[in-house]
Amino acid sequence: MECAQHTVSEPKITLSANKYLFNGKELQDEQLGGINLDWYDYGARFYDPALGRWHNIDPAIENAHYDYSPYAYVYNNPLRFLDPFGLDSIDAQAITTAAQNAVNAVTETYGSTSAQCNRGVNTAFEELTGSEELSDLDANGIVNQMEESDNFETVEQDKVQTEVDDGALIVAGKAESSGSGHVALAVPGDEVSSTNWGGSAPVGMDTGKNKRWSSKGMNYSWSSSTGVAFYKYTGPSAGTINNQTYSGGTIPAVSVTAPGTTYTQPQAVTVPAPRIDRINRP
């Protein structure tokens, strides 16, 4: 007696290719004119990794781009900046927002005429960094603290606007032997023409006496640049900016857990300080 033979076929399992790749964004690999697009969908616009550029301009271009190309990806500095949605510079926009918030807070609490430059700078500084290093100090005290602190370094005037537009946190200050001095926060923008400032002055937020503006040429804060110094914050941040990566740093180890063989071992990588001559991002 012979037994009937039966062929058992294994069920076919069709797996879809993972299209969520670079930065977790979906790869658009449709063809256009017989050529694969291979663009990533960031929501606000599409990113082309072959060019390192966007194919359309930043929809938030008026916020903080100024003299940078609106097509550039993360100001050409992916170690410094993130762009999770295809929008604007996170740090530069954070400075603009903090300046506006500081002016509103000072005006609401102290009115529009009293000298409160120290409170305006400290309000913005705390929002941006989470630090109370400049708290409870008058303008002279803020300047002295920045002079002595390891968390600040001086910047030449002609570099200020470029660095602020790149997302650096810079405070301008001038101490006075008779009086309380004056401080202002540098903000992203276009330098303004001023003969007394050597041709042009950077843009700043000021909440001094009869001063309540979030963005105006610093020639309105000081008639001359004589004695005015600029201090860039390089310390840790628990606020709305993360300037620790500005001068390089250590990328933390990342552990990948999955069933099967371990293919990736956590690595700690030290990042060299990026050049700051002229860097671009969206």
Foldseek 3Di string as FASTA:
>chain_A
DDDDDDDDDDDDDDDDDDQLDVLRFGFQQDDDPNHGQRWTQLAQFIADPVVQWTPDFAPQCVQQQVPFGRTHALLQCVLFADDNRSHDTQQQNLLLVLLLVLLVVCCVPPNQFAFDQLSSLQSSVCQWFVDCQSPPAFQQRNVVSLVPDPQKDWDDQVCVQQVSSSRWWKKKWACDPPDRTHIWTFHHDDWDAAVLAVGTFGWTRGRGGNGRDSTDGCCVVPVHCVRMIMMTGQDQGPHSHGNVPQQWDKDFWDDDDDPDDDDDDTDIDTGHHDDRPGGTHD
